[in-house]
Amino acid sequence: MRSLITKTNPKSPISEQYRTIRTNIQFSVVDRPLRSIMVTSSAPAEGKSTTVANLAVVFAQQGKKVLLIDADLRKPTVHYTFRKDNYIGLTNVLTKQAPFQAAVKETDVDNLFVLTSGPIPPNPAELLGSSAMEELLAEAYKQFDLVLFDTPPVLAVTDAQILANQCDGTILVVHSGKTEIEAAQKAKELLINAKGKLLGVVLNQKKQKESSYYYYYGNK
């Protein structure tokens, strides 16, 4: 099971770092409401799914009604993290096979709900860029304070770029000592070119005093 340290050990230093990221996100957009955030990475295995799941928990712990949507329609993980079945999810809603309300699942974290990916489709990018996705977001905004998206890596496929301009903000996760600087810069360029609003970068697995910490940096 993917680590949900903010749920299992909320007083740990790593959980505190997630709360710091939450605070920095909130301060980064003081002039407008932040209703949707997309979390992505430049390449696979950089920790974006762990990051977005833990961010969803800390926002819910703050009292916000949060929906975490698994928009990684190629290698979805949210159903594993929260131990849910994945028979009905995002793809069913986008193809009008299931109503939004029926596909959303409660979790054992107060105020936190998930919309798993649903069956893997042959055309993820087309689904995410469809008018049905805009309708789903409009419906989600009526019922939730904050919508978080887990998306595929930016450099691998176009899915994240397609979603970037539909969300109020984007966070890029990079893996300390693993992500190449050129790859991170290219990912940033692609997101900005797609009219994405980059809130900042989370540096994942930065070692300090023999512990794993998560740091939040601005996008400059």
Protein backbone atom coordinates (compact mmCIF):
# COMPACT_ATOMS: atom_id res chain seq x y z
CA MET A 1 0.00 0.00 0.00
CA ARG A 2 1.27 3.47 -0.92
CA SER A 3 2.32 5.39 2.19
CA LEU A 4 -0.30 7.74 3.62
CA ILE A 5 1.94 9.02 6.39
CA THR A 6 -0.27 12.07 7.00
CA LYS A 7 -3.00 9.65 8.04
CA THR A 8 -0.96 6.98 9.84
CA ASN A 9 1.50 9.32 11.57
CA PRO A 10 0.19 12.90 11.43
CA LYS A 11 2.74 14.17 13.97
CA SER A 12 5.78 12.99 12.00
CA PRO A 13 8.26 15.48 10.48
CA ILE A 14 7.20 14.42 6.97
CA SER A 15 3.53 15.08 7.75
CA GLU A 16 4.55 18.50 9.02
CA GLN A 17 6.26 19.16 5.69
CA TYR A 18 3.04 18.30 3.86
CA ARG A 19 1.22 20.82 6.03
CA THR A 20 3.90 23.38 5.15
CA ILE A 21 3.28 22.68 1.46
CA ARG A 22 -0.45 23.12 2.08
CA THR A 23 0.16 26.50 3.72
CA ASN A 24 2.46 27.66 0.92
CA ILE A 25 -0.10 26.65 -1.69
CA GLN A 26 -2.77 28.67 0.09
CA PHE A 27 -0.52 31.74 0.31
CA SER A 28 0.47 31.47 -3.34
CA VAL A 29 -2.99 32.47 -4.58
CA VAL A 30 -4.34 35.01 -2.11
CA ASP A 31 -6.14 37.01 -4.81
CA ARG A 32 -8.38 34.24 -6.14
CA PRO A 33 -10.03 31.06 -4.87
CA LEU A 34 -8.06 27.88 -5.50
CA ARG A 35 -10.58 25.16 -6.31
CA SER A 36 -8.52 22.66 -8.34
CA ILE A 37 -4.88 21.58 -8.26
CA MET A 38 -3.11 19.19 -10.60
CA VAL A 39 -0.05 17.29 -9.35
CA THR A 40 2.36 15.87 -11.89
CA SER A 41 6.05 15.07 -12.48
CA SER A 42 8.45 15.12 -15.40
CA ALA A 43 9.01 11.35 -15.44
CA PRO A 44 7.59 8.21 -13.75
CA ALA A 45 8.46 7.13 -10.19
CA GLU A 46 9.18 10.58 -8.79
CA GLY A 47 6.56 10.43 -6.05
CA LYS A 48 3.71 12.48 -7.53
CA SER A 49 0.98 10.00 -6.55
CA THR A 50 2.24 9.75 -2.96
CA THR A 51 2.48 13.55 -2.82
CA VAL A 52 -1.04 14.23 -4.12
CA ALA A 53 -2.60 11.59 -1.85
CA ASN A 54 -0.95 13.05 1.26
CA LEU A 55 -1.84 16.60 0.22
CA ALA A 56 -5.46 15.47 -0.15
CA VAL A 57 -5.33 14.16 3.43
CA VAL A 58 -3.87 17.34 4.96
CA PHE A 59 -6.38 19.57 3.15
CA ALA A 60 -9.20 17.32 4.39
CA GLN A 61 -7.75 17.45 7.92
CA GLN A 62 -8.09 21.22 7.70
CA GLY A 63 -11.84 20.78 7.31
CA LYS A 64 -12.12 21.23 3.55
CA LYS A 65 -14.31 18.81 1.61
CA VAL A 66 -11.76 17.33 -0.81
CA LEU A 67 -12.10 15.19 -3.93
CA LEU A 68 -9.02 13.36 -5.21
CA ILE A 69 -9.41 12.35 -8.87
CA ASP A 70 -7.14 9.74 -10.42
CA ALA A 71 -6.59 11.22 -13.88
CA ASP A 72 -3.60 8.97 -14.53
CA LEU A 73 -5.54 6.81 -16.97
CA ARG A 74 -2.43 4.84 -17.90
CA LYS A 75 -1.03 3.72 -14.54
CA PRO A 76 -3.66 4.58 -11.92
CA THR A 77 -2.85 4.10 -8.23
CA VAL A 78 -5.47 5.95 -6.16
CA HIS A 79 -7.61 2.82 -5.78
CA TYR A 80 -4.61 0.95 -4.34
CA THR A 81 -3.71 3.78 -1.97
CA PHE A 82 -7.21 4.01 -0.53
CA ARG A 83 -8.07 0.31 -0.96
CA LYS A 84 -11.06 0.83 -3.23
CA ASP A 85 -12.35 -1.21 -6.15
CA ASN A 86 -11.87 0.39 -9.56
CA TYR A 87 -14.78 -0.99 -11.55
CA ILE A 88 -16.44 2.40 -11.83
CA GLY A 89 -14.53 5.67 -11.92
CA LEU A 90 -13.52 8.69 -13.96
CA THR A 91 -13.66 7.01 -17.37
CA ASN A 92 -17.20 5.76 -16.74
CA VAL A 93 -18.35 9.29 -15.87
CA LEU A 94 -16.61 10.86 -18.88
CA THR A 95 -18.21 8.33 -21.26
CA LYS A 96 -21.64 8.82 -19.63
CA GLN A 97 -21.77 5.21 -18.41
CA ALA A 98 -22.16 6.27 -14.77
CA PRO A 99 -23.31 9.44 -13.00
CA PHE A 100 -20.68 11.48 -11.15
CA GLN A 101 -22.33 10.95 -7.76
CA ALA A 102 -22.35 7.17 -8.13
CA ALA A 103 -18.66 7.01 -9.03
CA VAL A 104 -17.34 9.09 -6.09
CA LYS A 105 -16.26 6.99 -3.11
CA GLU A 106 -15.87 7.86 0.55
CA THR A 107 -12.56 7.15 2.31
CA ASP A 108 -11.78 6.51 5.96
CA VAL A 109 -10.38 10.04 6.18
CA ASP A 110 -13.03 12.58 7.21
CA ASN A 111 -13.93 15.03 4.40
CA LEU A 112 -11.87 13.13 1.81
CA PHE A 113 -13.48 11.46 -1.20
CA VAL A 114 -11.90 9.80 -4.22
CA LEU A 115 -12.85 9.28 -7.85
CA THR A 116 -10.74 6.36 -9.06
CA SER A 117 -9.67 6.08 -12.69
CA GLY A 118 -12.18 3.44 -13.75
CA PRO A 119 -11.32 1.06 -16.61
CA ILE A 120 -8.22 2.03 -18.62
CA PRO A 121 -9.40 3.61 -21.90
CA PRO A 122 -7.67 3.45 -25.31
CA ASN A 123 -7.84 7.27 -25.65
CA PRO A 124 -6.91 8.93 -22.32
CA ALA A 125 -5.89 12.29 -23.78
CA GLU A 126 -9.12 12.67 -25.76
CA LEU A 127 -11.22 11.86 -22.70
CA LEU A 128 -9.38 14.35 -20.48
CA GLY A 129 -9.73 17.08 -23.09
CA SER A 130 -13.42 16.46 -23.73
CA SER A 131 -16.38 18.67 -22.86
CA ALA A 132 -17.43 15.89 -20.48
CA MET A 133 -14.36 16.72 -18.38
CA GLU A 134 -15.45 20.36 -18.13
CA GLU A 135 -18.92 19.20 -17.06
CA LEU A 136 -17.42 16.89 -14.43
CA LEU A 137 -15.32 19.72 -12.98
CA ALA A 138 -18.35 22.01 -12.83
CA GLU A 139 -20.25 19.32 -10.94
CA ALA A 140 -17.31 18.68 -8.60
CA TYR A 141 -17.07 22.40 -7.75
CA LYS A 142 -20.70 22.33 -6.59
CA GLN A 143 -20.02 19.55 -4.09
CA PHE A 144 -16.39 19.98 -3.02
CA ASP A 145 -14.19 22.78 -1.70
CA LEU A 146 -11.08 21.46 -3.43
CA VAL A 147 -10.44 19.05 -6.30
CA LEU A 148 -7.00 17.43 -6.64
CA PHE A 149 -5.85 15.60 -9.77
CA ASP A 150 -3.19 12.91 -10.02
CA THR A 151 -1.97 13.01 -13.64
CA PRO A 152 0.63 11.13 -15.72
CA PRO A 153 4.17 12.50 -16.04
CA VAL A 154 4.42 15.53 -18.33
CA LEU A 155 7.23 14.28 -20.56
CA ALA A 156 5.70 10.84 -21.09
CA VAL A 157 2.31 11.77 -22.56
CA THR A 158 0.21 14.88 -23.28
CA ASP A 159 -2.48 14.17 -20.65
CA ALA A 160 -1.10 16.53 -17.98
CA GLN A 161 -0.75 19.40 -20.45
CA ILE A 162 -4.38 18.93 -21.51
CA LEU A 163 -5.58 19.16 -17.90
CA ALA A 164 -3.22 21.95 -16.88
CA ASN A 165 -5.28 24.82 -18.26
CA GLN A 166 -8.48 23.42 -16.75
CA CYS A 167 -7.06 23.55 -13.21
CA ASP A 168 -6.49 26.62 -11.04
CA GLY A 169 -2.94 25.53 -10.29
CA THR A 170 -0.28 22.90 -10.98
CA ILE A 171 2.40 21.42 -8.75
CA LEU A 172 5.44 19.69 -10.23
CA VAL A 173 7.05 16.92 -8.15
CA VAL A 174 10.77 16.27 -8.66
CA HIS A 175 12.86 13.53 -7.07
CA SER A 176 16.03 14.75 -5.34
CA GLY A 177 19.11 13.23 -6.93
CA LYS A 178 17.07 11.48 -9.62
CA THR A 179 15.22 14.04 -11.72
CA GLU A 180 17.44 15.61 -14.36
CA ILE A 181 17.46 19.41 -14.30
CA GLU A 182 16.83 19.51 -18.05
CA ALA A 183 13.79 17.24 -17.66
CA ALA A 184 12.33 19.39 -14.89
CA GLN A 185 12.88 22.56 -16.94
CA LYS A 186 11.29 20.98 -20.01
CA ALA A 187 8.29 19.86 -17.94
CA LYS A 188 7.89 23.39 -16.58
CA GLU A 189 8.04 24.84 -20.10
CA LEU A 190 5.40 22.41 -21.40
CA LEU A 191 3.05 23.21 -18.53
CA ILE A 192 3.42 26.95 -18.96
CA ASN A 193 2.99 26.68 -22.75
CA ALA A 194 -0.23 24.75 -22.07
CA LYS A 195 -1.48 27.77 -20.10
CA GLY A 196 -0.97 25.93 -16.82
CA LYS A 197 -0.57 28.02 -13.67
CA LEU A 198 2.51 26.56 -11.99
CA LEU A 199 2.21 27.11 -8.23
CA GLY A 200 5.61 25.62 -7.45
CA VAL A 201 7.77 22.53 -7.17
CA VAL A 202 7.90 19.86 -4.48
CA LEU A 203 11.38 18.42 -3.98
CA ASN A 204 10.82 14.84 -2.93
CA GLN A 205 13.17 12.55 -0.96
CA LYS A 206 15.64 15.27 0.00
CA LYS A 207 17.82 13.73 2.69
CA GLN A 208 18.47 15.78 5.80
CA LYS A 209 19.57 14.41 9.15
CA GLU A 210 18.94 10.87 7.91
CA SER A 211 15.25 11.55 7.27
CA SER A 212 13.14 12.00 4.16
CA TYR A 213 11.67 15.47 3.95
CA TYR A 214 9.49 17.17 1.41
CA TYR A 215 10.21 20.79 0.58
CA TYR A 216 8.16 23.29 -1.32
CA TYR A 217 9.79 25.82 -3.59
CA GLY A 218 8.37 28.69 -5.58
CA ASN A 219 8.47 28.44 -9.35
CA LYS A 220 11.09 31.09 -9.95
